[in-house]
């Protein structure tokens, strides 16, 4: 049985990530506060942003912007949405 964590994004106890999703302190912070489910949600949204905004991930400014969006996403703040996306009702 995988460990549970109180996910700050989804506000409930959910299975935790089994390892940091990125190196360094940021990866540890995410592992200790974000569930697997919320991380999967972010990965999908991140892919949409990279594709729609034509982000070059070798560019430091693009990476910085994406990390800022990730922080907003996990903190339930107003983050960048895909402009071409239409939610199903």
N, C-alpha and C. Protein backbone atom coordinates (compact mmCIF):
# COMPACT_ATOMS: atom_id res chain seq x y z
N UNK A 1 0.85 -1.19 0.00
CA UNK A 1 0.00 0.00 0.00
C UNK A 1 0.89 1.24 0.00
N UNK A 2 0.60 2.17 -0.90
CA UNK A 2 1.44 3.36 -0.98
C UNK A 2 1.08 4.35 0.14
N UNK A 3 2.06 5.16 0.49
CA UNK A 3 1.87 6.16 1.54
C UNK A 3 0.84 7.19 1.09
N UNK A 4 0.16 7.77 2.06
CA UNK A 4 -0.83 8.82 1.79
C UNK A 4 -0.25 10.16 2.20
N UNK A 5 -0.76 11.19 1.57
CA UNK A 5 -0.33 12.55 1.88
C UNK A 5 -1.55 13.47 1.79
N UNK A 6 -1.58 14.51 2.60
CA UNK A 6 -2.62 15.52 2.47
C UNK A 6 -2.19 16.43 1.33
N UNK A 7 -2.84 16.28 0.20
CA UNK A 7 -2.47 17.01 -1.01
C UNK A 7 -2.94 18.46 -0.91
N UNK A 8 -2.01 19.40 -1.06
CA UNK A 8 -2.39 20.81 -0.94
C UNK A 8 -3.21 21.27 -2.14
N UNK A 9 -3.09 20.61 -3.28
CA UNK A 9 -3.89 20.97 -4.46
C UNK A 9 -5.33 20.49 -4.31
N UNK A 10 -5.49 19.21 -3.97
CA UNK A 10 -6.82 18.60 -3.95
C UNK A 10 -7.47 18.58 -2.57
N UNK A 11 -6.71 18.98 -1.55
CA UNK A 11 -7.23 19.14 -0.18
C UNK A 11 -7.82 17.85 0.40
N UNK A 12 -7.16 16.72 0.10
CA UNK A 12 -7.59 15.45 0.71
C UNK A 12 -6.42 14.48 0.76
N UNK A 13 -6.58 13.46 1.60
CA UNK A 13 -5.55 12.43 1.73
C UNK A 13 -5.58 11.53 0.50
N UNK A 14 -4.45 11.47 -0.18
CA UNK A 14 -4.33 10.69 -1.42
C UNK A 14 -2.97 10.02 -1.46
N UNK A 15 -2.80 9.03 -2.34
CA UNK A 15 -1.48 8.40 -2.47
C UNK A 15 -0.40 9.43 -2.83
N UNK A 16 0.72 9.30 -2.12
CA UNK A 16 1.85 10.22 -2.31
C UNK A 16 2.72 9.79 -3.48
N UNK A 17 3.51 10.69 -3.98
CA UNK A 17 4.54 10.35 -4.96
C UNK A 17 5.57 9.46 -4.28
N UNK A 18 6.11 8.50 -5.01
CA UNK A 18 7.08 7.58 -4.41
C UNK A 18 8.50 8.13 -4.44
N UNK A 19 8.73 9.15 -5.28
CA UNK A 19 10.04 9.80 -5.34
C UNK A 19 9.86 11.23 -5.82
N UNK A 20 10.85 12.09 -5.57
CA UNK A 20 10.74 13.47 -6.03
C UNK A 20 10.60 13.52 -7.55
N UNK A 21 9.68 14.33 -8.07
CA UNK A 21 9.46 14.39 -9.51
C UNK A 21 10.50 15.24 -10.26
N UNK A 22 11.35 15.92 -9.51
CA UNK A 22 12.43 16.71 -10.11
C UNK A 22 13.55 16.82 -9.08
N UNK A 23 14.75 17.14 -9.51
CA UNK A 23 15.86 17.22 -8.56
C UNK A 23 15.77 18.44 -7.64
N UNK A 24 16.48 18.37 -6.54
CA UNK A 24 16.64 19.52 -5.66
C UNK A 24 15.51 19.73 -4.68
N UNK A 25 15.57 20.86 -3.99
CA UNK A 25 14.58 21.19 -2.96
C UNK A 25 13.15 21.26 -3.50
N UNK A 26 12.98 21.74 -4.72
CA UNK A 26 11.64 21.85 -5.30
C UNK A 26 11.01 20.47 -5.44
N UNK A 27 11.79 19.49 -5.88
CA UNK A 27 11.29 18.13 -6.01
C UNK A 27 10.86 17.55 -4.67
N UNK A 28 11.65 17.80 -3.63
CA UNK A 28 11.30 17.33 -2.28
C UNK A 28 10.04 18.02 -1.77
N UNK A 29 9.93 19.31 -2.02
CA UNK A 29 8.74 20.06 -1.61
C UNK A 29 7.49 19.48 -2.26
N UNK A 30 7.58 19.20 -3.56
CA UNK A 30 6.43 18.63 -4.28
C UNK A 30 6.11 17.24 -3.74
N UNK A 31 7.12 16.41 -3.54
CA UNK A 31 6.90 15.05 -3.05
C UNK A 31 6.21 15.06 -1.69
N UNK A 32 6.50 16.06 -0.87
CA UNK A 32 5.96 16.13 0.49
C UNK A 32 4.61 16.83 0.59
N UNK A 33 4.11 17.40 -0.52
CA UNK A 33 2.85 18.15 -0.42
C UNK A 33 1.86 17.90 -1.55
N UNK A 34 2.27 17.17 -2.58
CA UNK A 34 1.42 16.96 -3.75
C UNK A 34 1.21 15.47 -3.98
N UNK A 35 -0.03 15.08 -4.23
CA UNK A 35 -0.36 13.67 -4.46
C UNK A 35 0.01 13.25 -5.89
N UNK A 36 0.03 11.92 -6.08
CA UNK A 36 0.25 11.38 -7.43
C UNK A 36 -0.81 11.92 -8.40
N UNK A 37 -2.05 11.96 -7.94
CA UNK A 37 -3.16 12.42 -8.79
C UNK A 37 -2.95 13.87 -9.24
N UNK A 38 -2.60 14.75 -8.30
CA UNK A 38 -2.38 16.16 -8.65
C UNK A 38 -1.16 16.30 -9.56
N UNK A 39 -0.11 15.49 -9.33
CA UNK A 39 1.07 15.55 -10.18
C UNK A 39 0.71 15.14 -11.61
N UNK A 40 -0.11 14.12 -11.77
CA UNK A 40 -0.55 13.69 -13.11
C UNK A 40 -1.38 14.78 -13.78
N UNK A 41 -2.22 15.45 -13.00
CA UNK A 41 -3.00 16.57 -13.53
C UNK A 41 -2.07 17.67 -14.05
N UNK A 42 -1.03 17.98 -13.25
CA UNK A 42 -0.07 19.01 -13.66
C UNK A 42 0.68 18.59 -14.92
N UNK A 43 1.13 17.35 -15.00
CA UNK A 43 1.89 16.92 -16.17
C UNK A 43 1.06 17.09 -17.44
N UNK A 44 -0.20 16.78 -17.38
CA UNK A 44 -1.07 16.96 -18.54
C UNK A 44 -1.22 18.44 -18.89
N UNK A 45 -1.45 19.27 -17.87
CA UNK A 45 -1.59 20.71 -18.11
C UNK A 45 -0.29 21.31 -18.61
N UNK A 46 0.82 20.87 -18.04
CA UNK A 46 2.14 21.35 -18.46
C UNK A 46 2.37 21.07 -19.95
N UNK A 47 2.04 19.87 -20.39
CA UNK A 47 2.20 19.51 -21.79
C UNK A 47 1.38 20.42 -22.69
N UNK A 48 0.15 20.71 -22.26
CA UNK A 48 -0.72 21.61 -23.02
C UNK A 48 -0.09 23.00 -23.12
N UNK A 49 0.42 23.51 -22.00
CA UNK A 49 1.04 24.84 -22.00
C UNK A 49 2.28 24.88 -22.90
N UNK A 50 3.13 23.87 -22.79
CA UNK A 50 4.35 23.83 -23.60
C UNK A 50 3.99 23.84 -25.08
N UNK A 51 3.01 23.04 -25.46
CA UNK A 51 2.62 22.96 -26.86
C UNK A 51 1.93 24.22 -27.34
N UNK A 52 0.99 24.71 -26.58
CA UNK A 52 0.22 25.88 -27.03
C UNK A 52 1.07 27.15 -27.06
N UNK A 53 1.93 27.31 -26.08
CA UNK A 53 2.76 28.52 -25.99
C UNK A 53 4.07 28.37 -26.77
N UNK A 54 4.27 27.19 -27.38
CA UNK A 54 5.50 26.91 -28.14
C UNK A 54 6.74 27.20 -27.28
N UNK A 55 6.71 26.68 -26.05
CA UNK A 55 7.82 26.93 -25.12
C UNK A 55 9.03 26.10 -25.51
N UNK A 56 10.18 26.73 -25.46
CA UNK A 56 11.46 26.06 -25.68
C UNK A 56 12.03 25.77 -24.30
N UNK A 57 12.03 24.50 -23.90
CA UNK A 57 12.45 24.17 -22.55
C UNK A 57 13.96 24.27 -22.34
N UNK A 58 14.71 24.57 -23.40
CA UNK A 58 16.14 24.85 -23.23
C UNK A 58 16.36 26.32 -22.86
N UNK A 59 15.29 27.12 -22.91
CA UNK A 59 15.34 28.54 -22.59
C UNK A 59 15.02 28.73 -21.10
N UNK A 60 15.94 29.34 -20.36
CA UNK A 60 15.79 29.51 -18.91
C UNK A 60 14.54 30.31 -18.55
N UNK A 61 14.21 31.32 -19.32
CA UNK A 61 13.02 32.14 -19.04
C UNK A 61 11.74 31.31 -19.20
N UNK A 62 11.69 30.46 -20.20
CA UNK A 62 10.52 29.59 -20.39
C UNK A 62 10.38 28.61 -19.24
N UNK A 63 11.51 28.04 -18.79
CA UNK A 63 11.46 27.11 -17.66
C UNK A 63 11.00 27.83 -16.39
N UNK A 64 11.50 29.04 -16.17
CA UNK A 64 11.12 29.84 -15.00
C UNK A 64 9.62 30.12 -15.03
N UNK A 65 9.09 30.50 -16.18
CA UNK A 65 7.66 30.79 -16.32
C UNK A 65 6.84 29.54 -16.02
N UNK A 66 7.27 28.39 -16.55
CA UNK A 66 6.53 27.15 -16.34
C UNK A 66 6.52 26.75 -14.86
N UNK A 67 7.64 26.94 -14.17
CA UNK A 67 7.70 26.64 -12.73
C UNK A 67 6.76 27.58 -11.97
N UNK A 68 6.70 28.85 -12.37
CA UNK A 68 5.77 29.79 -11.72
C UNK A 68 4.33 29.33 -11.92
N UNK A 69 4.01 28.85 -13.12
CA UNK A 69 2.66 28.35 -13.39
C UNK A 69 2.38 27.10 -12.56
N UNK A 70 3.38 26.24 -12.41
CA UNK A 70 3.22 25.03 -11.61
C UNK A 70 2.91 25.40 -10.15
N UNK A 71 3.66 26.36 -9.61
CA UNK A 71 3.42 26.79 -8.23
C UNK A 71 2.00 27.32 -8.07
N UNK A 72 1.55 28.14 -9.01
CA UNK A 72 0.19 28.68 -8.96
C UNK A 72 -0.84 27.55 -9.05
N UNK A 73 -0.60 26.59 -9.94
CA UNK A 73 -1.50 25.45 -10.12
C UNK A 73 -1.66 24.69 -8.81
N UNK A 74 -0.54 24.34 -8.16
CA UNK A 74 -0.59 23.56 -6.93
C UNK A 74 -1.13 24.35 -5.76
N UNK A 75 -1.01 25.68 -5.79
CA UNK A 75 -1.52 26.52 -4.71
C UNK A 75 -2.95 27.00 -4.96
N UNK A 76 -3.57 26.47 -6.02
CA UNK A 76 -4.95 26.83 -6.38
C UNK A 76 -5.10 28.33 -6.60
N UNK A 77 -4.08 28.93 -7.20
CA UNK A 77 -4.12 30.34 -7.56
C UNK A 77 -4.53 30.44 -9.03
N UNK A 78 -4.61 31.64 -9.54
CA UNK A 78 -4.99 31.86 -10.94
C UNK A 78 -3.80 31.56 -11.83
N UNK A 79 -3.80 30.39 -12.46
CA UNK A 79 -2.71 29.97 -13.33
C UNK A 79 -3.14 30.07 -14.79
N UNK A 80 -2.16 30.06 -15.67
CA UNK A 80 -2.40 30.16 -17.11
C UNK A 80 -3.19 28.95 -17.61
N UNK A 81 -4.26 29.21 -18.32
CA UNK A 81 -5.06 28.15 -18.92
C UNK A 81 -4.78 28.13 -20.43
N UNK A 82 -5.05 27.03 -21.04
CA UNK A 82 -4.90 26.92 -22.49
C UNK A 82 -6.00 27.74 -23.15
N UNK A 83 -5.63 28.65 -24.02
CA UNK A 83 -6.64 29.54 -24.62
C UNK A 83 -7.56 28.80 -25.58
N UNK A 84 -7.07 27.73 -26.20
CA UNK A 84 -7.89 26.97 -27.13
C UNK A 84 -8.74 25.91 -26.48
N UNK A 85 -8.63 25.78 -25.16
CA UNK A 85 -9.32 24.71 -24.45
C UNK A 85 -10.74 25.13 -24.10
N UNK A 86 -11.69 24.25 -24.37
CA UNK A 86 -13.08 24.48 -23.99
C UNK A 86 -13.50 23.31 -23.11
N UNK A 87 -13.87 23.60 -21.88
CA UNK A 87 -14.30 22.56 -20.96
C UNK A 87 -15.65 22.01 -21.37
N UNK A 88 -15.83 20.72 -21.16
CA UNK A 88 -17.12 20.10 -21.44
C UNK A 88 -18.07 20.40 -20.30
N UNK A 89 -19.29 20.72 -20.61
CA UNK A 89 -20.29 21.01 -19.56
C UNK A 89 -20.99 19.75 -19.11
